[in-house]
Amino acid sequence: MSIATQCKFFGHIITVEKALAVRKAAPANNRSSLAFECIKCGKAVRPHVAGDRCKAHFVHLHRNPECQYIDPPRDF
């Protein structure tokens, strides 16, 4: 699985660090309207901060099993 560290934002490719900075700078009531898009499928994504076990990355707002770039297939 690839971890997405870039997205499209108003037609420009930006890093997850830049997306996190944009989200942080936006007023709280406007954050949900920020248009971050997957660079592979064009669907809406959101940036996630780094944690203990992973670096900062993007995830789809709504699971997209067709996009292997961000959402890996799940075994149930």
PDB file of N, CA and C in Angstrom:
ATOM      1  N   MET A   1       0.840  -1.183   0.000  1.00  0.00           N
ATOM      2  CA  MET A   1       0.000   0.000   0.000  1.00  0.00           C
ATOM      3  C   MET A   1       0.881   1.241   0.000  1.00  0.00           C
ATOM      4  N   SER A   2       0.530   2.181  -0.810  1.00  0.00           N
ATOM      5  CA  SER A   2       1.204   3.469  -0.810  1.00  0.00           C
ATOM      6  C   SER A   2       0.527   4.379   0.198  1.00  0.00           C
ATOM      7  N   ILE A   3       1.302   5.170   0.884  1.00  0.00           N
ATOM      8  CA  ILE A   3       0.737   6.166   1.790  1.00  0.00           C
ATOM      9  C   ILE A   3       0.782   7.495   1.064  1.00  0.00           C
ATOM     10  N   ALA A   4      -0.366   8.125   0.936  1.00  0.00           N
ATOM     11  CA  ALA A   4      -0.466   9.389   0.208  1.00  0.00           C
ATOM     12  C   ALA A   4       0.095  10.519   1.064  1.00  0.00           C
ATOM     13  N   THR A   5       1.087  11.201   0.541  1.00  0.00           N
ATOM     14  CA  THR A   5       1.673  12.345   1.242  1.00  0.00           C
ATOM     15  C   THR A   5       1.506  13.631   0.446  1.00  0.00           C
ATOM     16  N   GLN A   6       0.756  13.544  -0.670  1.00  0.00           N
ATOM     17  CA  GLN A   6       0.461  14.712  -1.485  1.00  0.00           C
ATOM     18  C   GLN A   6      -1.005  14.663  -1.891  1.00  0.00           C
ATOM     19  N   CYS A   7      -1.563  15.837  -2.170  1.00  0.00           N
ATOM     20  CA  CYS A   7      -2.942  15.920  -2.665  1.00  0.00           C
ATOM     21  C   CYS A   7      -3.041  17.101  -3.605  1.00  0.00           C
ATOM     22  N   LYS A   8      -4.200  17.219  -4.256  1.00  0.00           N
ATOM     23  CA  LYS A   8      -4.491  18.395  -5.070  1.00  0.00           C
ATOM     24  C   LYS A   8      -5.291  19.369  -4.219  1.00  0.00           C
ATOM     25  N   PHE A   9      -4.944  20.631  -4.331  1.00  0.00           N
ATOM     26  CA  PHE A   9      -5.666  21.688  -3.621  1.00  0.00           C
ATOM     27  C   PHE A   9      -5.803  22.847  -4.584  1.00  0.00           C
ATOM     28  N   PHE A  10      -7.015  23.058  -5.088  1.00  0.00           N
ATOM     29  CA  PHE A  10      -7.282  24.084  -6.096  1.00  0.00           C
ATOM     30  C   PHE A  10      -6.343  23.963  -7.291  1.00  0.00           C
ATOM     31  N   GLY A  11      -6.161  22.712  -7.757  1.00  0.00           N
ATOM     32  CA  GLY A  11      -5.370  22.452  -8.953  1.00  0.00           C
ATOM     33  C   GLY A  11      -3.873  22.341  -8.751  1.00  0.00           C
ATOM     34  N   HIS A  12      -3.404  22.567  -7.539  1.00  0.00           N
ATOM     35  CA  HIS A  12      -1.972  22.471  -7.244  1.00  0.00           C
ATOM     36  C   HIS A  12      -1.708  21.265  -6.361  1.00  0.00           C
ATOM     37  N   ILE A  13      -0.591  20.593  -6.595  1.00  0.00           N
ATOM     38  CA  ILE A  13      -0.213  19.473  -5.745  1.00  0.00           C
ATOM     39  C   ILE A  13       0.552  20.024  -4.549  1.00  0.00           C
ATOM     40  N   ILE A  14       0.070  19.666  -3.346  1.00  0.00           N
ATOM     41  CA  ILE A  14       0.710  20.131  -2.118  1.00  0.00           C
ATOM     42  C   ILE A  14       1.024  18.936  -1.222  1.00  0.00           C
ATOM     43  N   THR A  15       1.934  19.139  -0.294  1.00  0.00           N
ATOM     44  CA  THR A  15       2.312  18.087   0.648  1.00  0.00           C
ATOM     45  C   THR A  15       1.312  18.026   1.792  1.00  0.00           C
ATOM     46  N   VAL A  16       1.364  16.937   2.530  1.00  0.00           N
ATOM     47  CA  VAL A  16       0.484  16.783   3.680  1.00  0.00           C
ATOM     48  C   VAL A  16       0.812  17.832   4.746  1.00  0.00           C
ATOM     49  N   GLU A  17       2.073  18.202   4.873  1.00  0.00           N
ATOM     50  CA  GLU A  17       2.451  19.236   5.841  1.00  0.00           C
ATOM     51  C   GLU A  17       1.810  20.576   5.488  1.00  0.00           C
ATOM     52  N   LYS A  18       1.812  20.916   4.195  1.00  0.00           N
ATOM     53  CA  LYS A  18       1.176  22.148   3.743  1.00  0.00           C
ATOM     54  C   LYS A  18      -0.335  22.081   3.962  1.00  0.00           C
ATOM     55  N   ALA A  19      -0.951  20.936   3.671  1.00  0.00           N
ATOM     56  CA  ALA A  19      -2.387  20.776   3.879  1.00  0.00           C
ATOM     57  C   ALA A  19      -2.751  20.919   5.348  1.00  0.00           C
ATOM     58  N   LEU A  20      -1.932  20.367   6.228  1.00  0.00           N
ATOM     59  CA  LEU A  20      -2.188  20.507   7.664  1.00  0.00           C
ATOM     60  C   LEU A  20      -2.070  21.970   8.090  1.00  0.00           C
ATOM     61  N   ALA A  21      -1.107  22.688   7.515  1.00  0.00           N
ATOM     62  CA  ALA A  21      -0.946  24.110   7.837  1.00  0.00           C
ATOM     63  C   ALA A  21      -2.136  24.922   7.319  1.00  0.00           C
ATOM     64  N   VAL A  22      -2.619  24.597   6.119  1.00  0.00           N
ATOM     65  CA  VAL A  22      -3.790  25.284   5.560  1.00  0.00           C
ATOM     66  C   VAL A  22      -5.004  25.027   6.441  1.00  0.00           C
ATOM     67  N   ARG A  23      -5.193  23.777   6.841  1.00  0.00           N
ATOM     68  CA  ARG A  23      -6.336  23.438   7.690  1.00  0.00           C
ATOM     69  C   ARG A  23      -6.262  24.144   9.034  1.00  0.00           C
ATOM     70  N   LYS A  24      -5.066  24.200   9.603  1.00  0.00           N
ATOM     71  CA  LYS A  24      -4.894  24.856  10.900  1.00  0.00           C
ATOM     72  C   LYS A  24      -5.162  26.362  10.804  1.00  0.00           C
ATOM     73  N   ALA A  25      -4.773  26.984   9.694  1.00  0.00           N
ATOM     74  CA  ALA A  25      -4.937  28.427   9.518  1.00  0.00           C
ATOM     75  C   ALA A  25      -6.379  28.822   9.187  1.00  0.00           C
ATOM     76  N   ALA A  26      -7.167  27.879   8.692  1.00  0.00           N
ATOM     77  CA  ALA A  26      -8.551  28.186   8.320  1.00  0.00           C
ATOM     78  C   ALA A  26      -9.416  28.347   9.569  1.00  0.00           C
ATOM     79  N   PRO A  27     -10.393  29.242   9.510  1.00  0.00           N
ATOM     80  CA  PRO A  27     -11.341  29.354  10.629  1.00  0.00           C
ATOM     81  C   PRO A  27     -12.037  28.009  10.860  1.00  0.00           C
ATOM     82  N   ALA A  28     -12.320  27.690  12.098  1.00  0.00           N
ATOM     83  CA  ALA A  28     -12.897  26.390  12.450  1.00  0.00           C
ATOM     84  C   ALA A  28     -14.162  26.072  11.664  1.00  0.00           C
ATOM     85  N   ASN A  29     -15.004  27.062  11.410  1.00  0.00           N
ATOM     86  CA  ASN A  29     -16.254  26.796  10.698  1.00  0.00           C
ATOM     87  C   ASN A  29     -16.047  26.600   9.193  1.00  0.00           C
ATOM     88  N   ASN A  30     -14.857  26.857   8.653  1.00  0.00           N
ATOM     89  CA  ASN A  30     -14.583  26.672   7.220  1.00  0.00           C
ATOM     90  C   ASN A  30     -13.724  25.446   6.930  1.00  0.00           C
ATOM     91  N   ARG A  31     -13.230  24.777   7.949  1.00  0.00           N
ATOM     92  CA  ARG A  31     -12.304  23.658   7.726  1.00  0.00           C
ATOM     93  C   ARG A  31     -12.933  22.513   6.951  1.00  0.00           C
ATOM     94  N   SER A  32     -14.200  22.253   7.175  1.00  0.00           N
ATOM     95  CA  SER A  32     -14.837  21.129   6.484  1.00  0.00           C
ATOM     96  C   SER A  32     -15.057  21.409   4.998  1.00  0.00           C
ATOM     97  N   SER A  33     -14.963  22.649   4.580  1.00  0.00           N
ATOM     98  CA  SER A  33     -15.182  22.971   3.170  1.00  0.00           C
ATOM     99  C   SER A  33     -13.881  23.041   2.362  1.00  0.00           C
ATOM    100  N   LEU A  34     -12.746  22.767   2.986  1.00  0.00           N
ATOM    101  CA  LEU A  34     -11.482  22.774   2.250  1.00  0.00           C
ATOM    102  C   LEU A  34     -11.484  21.627   1.244  1.00  0.00           C
ATOM    103  N   ALA A  35     -11.087  21.900   0.026  1.00  0.00           N
ATOM    104  CA  ALA A  35     -11.200  20.947  -1.078  1.00  0.00           C
ATOM    105  C   ALA A  35      -9.875  20.234  -1.352  1.00  0.00           C
ATOM    106  N   PHE A  36      -9.507  19.291  -0.481  1.00  0.00           N
ATOM    107  CA  PHE A  36      -8.335  18.455  -0.718  1.00  0.00           C
ATOM    108  C   PHE A  36      -8.796  17.254  -1.537  1.00  0.00           C
ATOM    109  N   GLU A  37      -8.062  16.928  -2.620  1.00  0.00           N
ATOM    110  CA  GLU A  37      -8.452  15.830  -3.510  1.00  0.00           C
ATOM    111  C   GLU A  37      -7.307  14.842  -3.681  1.00  0.00           C
ATOM    112  N   CYS A  38      -7.648  13.562  -3.782  1.00  0.00           N
ATOM    113  CA  CYS A  38      -6.672  12.505  -4.040  1.00  0.00           C
ATOM    114  C   CYS A  38      -6.027  12.756  -5.405  1.00  0.00           C
ATOM    115  N   ILE A  39      -4.716  12.617  -5.486  1.00  0.00           N
ATOM    116  CA  ILE A  39      -4.048  12.854  -6.770  1.00  0.00           C
ATOM    117  C   ILE A  39      -4.255  11.697  -7.747  1.00  0.00           C
ATOM    118  N   LYS A  40      -4.711  10.553  -7.266  1.00  0.00           N
ATOM    119  CA  LYS A  40      -4.955   9.405  -8.158  1.00  0.00           C
ATOM    120  C   LYS A  40      -6.386   9.357  -8.678  1.00  0.00           C
ATOM    121  N   CYS A  41      -7.374   9.522  -7.771  1.00  0.00           N
ATOM    122  CA  CYS A  41      -8.772   9.338  -8.196  1.00  0.00           C
ATOM    123  C   CYS A  41      -9.596  10.621  -8.170  1.00  0.00           C
ATOM    124  N   GLY A  42      -9.097  11.682  -7.543  1.00  0.00           N
ATOM    125  CA  GLY A  42      -9.817  12.948  -7.514  1.00  0.00           C
ATOM    126  C   GLY A  42     -10.885  13.055  -6.439  1.00  0.00           C
ATOM    127  N   LYS A  43     -11.069  12.010  -5.634  1.00  0.00           N
ATOM    128  CA  LYS A  43     -12.075  12.038  -4.561  1.00  0.00           C
ATOM    129  C   LYS A  43     -11.544  12.846  -3.377  1.00  0.00           C
ATOM    130  N   ALA A  44     -12.457  13.289  -2.524  1.00  0.00           N
ATOM    131  CA  ALA A  44     -12.100  14.103  -1.365  1.00  0.00           C
ATOM    132  C   ALA A  44     -11.281  13.312  -0.352  1.00  0.00           C
ATOM    133  N   VAL A  45     -10.231  13.960   0.146  1.00  0.00           N
ATOM    134  CA  VAL A  45      -9.382  13.378   1.183  1.00  0.00           C
ATOM    135  C   VAL A  45      -9.191  14.384   2.304  1.00  0.00           C
ATOM    136  N   ARG A  46      -8.693  13.909   3.435  1.00  0.00           N
ATOM    137  CA  ARG A  46      -8.369  14.812   4.531  1.00  0.00           C
ATOM    138  C   ARG A  46      -6.983  14.445   5.044  1.00  0.00           C
ATOM    139  N   PRO A  47      -6.234  15.446   5.491  1.00  0.00           N
ATOM    140  CA  PRO A  47      -4.900  15.176   6.025  1.00  0.00           C
ATOM    141  C   PRO A  47      -4.985  14.675   7.466  1.00  0.00           C
ATOM    142  N   HIS A  48      -4.119  13.741   7.794  1.00  0.00           N
ATOM    143  CA  HIS A  48      -4.005  13.229   9.162  1.00  0.00           C
ATOM    144  C   HIS A  48      -2.600  13.520   9.666  1.00  0.00           C
ATOM    145  N   VAL A  49      -2.504  13.933  10.899  1.00  0.00           N
ATOM    146  CA  VAL A  49      -1.207  14.228  11.503  1.00  0.00           C
ATOM    147  C   VAL A  49      -0.451  12.932  11.769  1.00  0.00           C
ATOM    148  N   ALA A  50       0.851  13.050  11.940  1.00  0.00           N
ATOM    149  CA  ALA A  50       1.685  11.896  12.255  1.00  0.00           C
ATOM    150  C   ALA A  50       1.333  11.363  13.636  1.00  0.00           C
ATOM    151  N   GLY A  51       1.458  10.070  13.789  1.00  0.00           N
ATOM    152  CA  GLY A  51       1.203   9.431  15.073  1.00  0.00           C
ATOM    153  C   GLY A  51       2.392   8.589  15.491  1.00  0.00           C
ATOM    154  N   ASP A  52       2.175   7.757  16.459  1.00  0.00           N
ATOM    155  CA  ASP A  52       3.250   6.888  16.942  1.00  0.00           C
ATOM    156  C   ASP A  52       3.683   5.874  15.905  1.00  0.00           C
ATOM    157  N   ARG A  53       2.722   5.373  15.124  1.00  0.00           N
ATOM    158  CA  ARG A  53       3.036   4.290  14.192  1.00  0.00           C
ATOM    159  C   ARG A  53       3.005   4.674  12.725  1.00  0.00           C
ATOM    160  N   CYS A  54       2.692   5.924  12.401  1.00  0.00           N
ATOM    161  CA  CYS A  54       2.647   6.309  10.992  1.00  0.00           C
ATOM    162  C   CYS A  54       2.994   7.781  10.828  1.00  0.00           C
ATOM    163  N   LYS A  55       3.480   8.095   9.638  1.00  0.00           N
ATOM    164  CA  LYS A  55       3.779   9.490   9.342  1.00  0.00           C
ATOM    165  C   LYS A  55       2.514  10.196   8.874  1.00  0.00           C
ATOM    166  N   ALA A  56       2.558  11.499   8.776  1.00  0.00           N
ATOM    167  CA  ALA A  56       1.398  12.268   8.316  1.00  0.00           C
ATOM    168  C   ALA A  56       1.018  11.790   6.917  1.00  0.00           C
ATOM    169  N   HIS A  57      -0.302  11.709   6.654  1.00  0.00           N
ATOM    170  CA  HIS A  57      -0.776  11.177   5.384  1.00  0.00           C
ATOM    171  C   HIS A  57      -2.207  11.631   5.128  1.00  0.00           C
ATOM    172  N   PHE A  58      -2.721  11.280   3.957  1.00  0.00           N
ATOM    173  CA  PHE A  58      -4.103  11.583   3.587  1.00  0.00           C
ATOM    174  C   PHE A  58      -4.930  10.306   3.599  1.00  0.00           C
ATOM    175  N   VAL A  59      -6.223  10.447   3.923  1.00  0.00           N
ATOM    176  CA  VAL A  59      -7.190   9.357   3.808  1.00  0.00           C
ATOM    177  C   VAL A  59      -8.434   9.907   3.104  1.00  0.00           C
ATOM    178  N   HIS A  60      -9.141   9.030   2.408  1.00  0.00           N
ATOM    179  CA  HIS A  60     -10.386   9.437   1.749  1.00  0.00           C
ATOM    180  C   HIS A  60     -11.435   9.784   2.802  1.00  0.00           C
ATOM    181  N   LEU A  61     -12.260  10.776   2.499  1.00  0.00           N
ATOM    182  CA  LEU A  61     -13.373  11.101   3.387  1.00  0.00           C
ATOM    183  C   LEU A  61     -14.373   9.948   3.413  1.00  0.00           C
ATOM    184  N   HIS A  62     -14.611   9.352   2.261  1.00  0.00           N
ATOM    185  CA  HIS A  62     -15.488   8.189   2.140  1.00  0.00           C
ATOM    186  C   HIS A  62     -14.663   7.085   1.501  1.00  0.00           C
ATOM    187  N   ARG A  63     -14.637   5.934   2.117  1.00  0.00           N
ATOM    188  CA  ARG A  63     -13.814   4.820   1.631  1.00  0.00           C
ATOM    189  C   ARG A  63     -13.990   4.639   0.127  1.00  0.00           C
ATOM    190  N   ASN A  64     -12.868   4.469  -0.564  1.00  0.00           N
ATOM    191  CA  ASN A  64     -12.878   4.293  -2.011  1.00  0.00           C
ATOM    192  C   ASN A  64     -12.046   3.057  -2.352  1.00  0.00           C
ATOM    193  N   PRO A  65     -12.664   1.875  -2.373  1.00  0.00           N
ATOM    194  CA  PRO A  65     -11.901   0.643  -2.616  1.00  0.00           C
ATOM    195  C   PRO A  65     -11.253   0.581  -3.999  1.00  0.00           C
ATOM    196  N   GLU A  66     -11.730   1.397  -4.939  1.00  0.00           N
ATOM    197  CA  GLU A  66     -11.120   1.407  -6.271  1.00  0.00           C
ATOM    198  C   GLU A  66      -9.778   2.132  -6.287  1.00  0.00           C
ATOM    199  N   CYS A  67      -9.504   2.947  -5.283  1.00  0.00           N
ATOM    200  CA  CYS A  67      -8.253   3.704  -5.238  1.00  0.00           C
ATOM    201  C   CYS A  67      -7.278   2.993  -4.316  1.00  0.00           C
ATOM    202  N   GLN A  68      -6.356   2.261  -4.894  1.00  0.00           N
ATOM    203  CA  GLN A  68      -5.368   1.520  -4.115  1.00  0.00           C
ATOM    204  C   GLN A  68      -4.290   2.423  -3.543  1.00  0.00           C
ATOM    205  N   TYR A  69      -4.254   3.676  -3.978  1.00  0.00           N
ATOM    206  CA  TYR A  69      -3.223   4.598  -3.530  1.00  0.00           C
ATOM    207  C   TYR A  69      -3.361   4.945  -2.056  1.00  0.00           C
ATOM    208  N   ILE A  70      -4.592   5.093  -1.594  1.00  0.00           N
ATOM    209  CA  ILE A  70      -4.811   5.472  -0.203  1.00  0.00           C
ATOM    210  C   ILE A  70      -5.510   4.373   0.573  1.00  0.00           C
ATOM    211  N   ASP A  71      -6.557   3.798   0.031  1.00  0.00           N
ATOM    212  CA  ASP A  71      -7.321   2.791   0.736  1.00  0.00           C
ATOM    213  C   ASP A  71      -6.942   1.387   0.262  1.00  0.00           C
ATOM    214  N   PRO A  72      -6.232   0.639   1.074  1.00  0.00           N
ATOM    215  CA  PRO A  72      -5.874  -0.728   0.674  1.00  0.00           C
ATOM    216  C   PRO A  72      -7.097  -1.635   0.733  1.00  0.00           C
ATOM    217  N   PRO A  73      -7.106  -2.716  -0.032  1.00  0.00           N
ATOM    218  CA  PRO A  73      -8.234  -3.639   0.070  1.00  0.00           C
ATOM    219  C   PRO A  73      -8.270  -4.258   1.461  1.00  0.00           C
ATOM    220  N   ARG A  74      -9.472  -4.478   1.949  1.00  0.00           N
ATOM    221  CA  ARG A  74      -9.627  -5.069   3.287  1.00  0.00           C
ATOM    222  C   ARG A  74     -10.008  -6.536   3.149  1.00  0.00           C
ATOM    223  N   ASP A  75      -9.444  -7.355   4.007  1.00  0.00           N
ATOM    224  CA  ASP A  75      -9.836  -8.758   4.090  1.00  0.00           C
ATOM    225  C   ASP A  75     -10.812  -8.907   5.242  1.00  0.00           C
ATOM    226  N   PHE A  76     -12.010  -9.381   4.950  1.00  0.00           N
ATOM    227  CA  PHE A  76     -13.015  -9.554   6.003  1.00  0.00           C
ATOM    228  C   PHE A  76     -13.199 -11.006   6.304  1.00  0.00           C
TER     229      PHE A  76
END
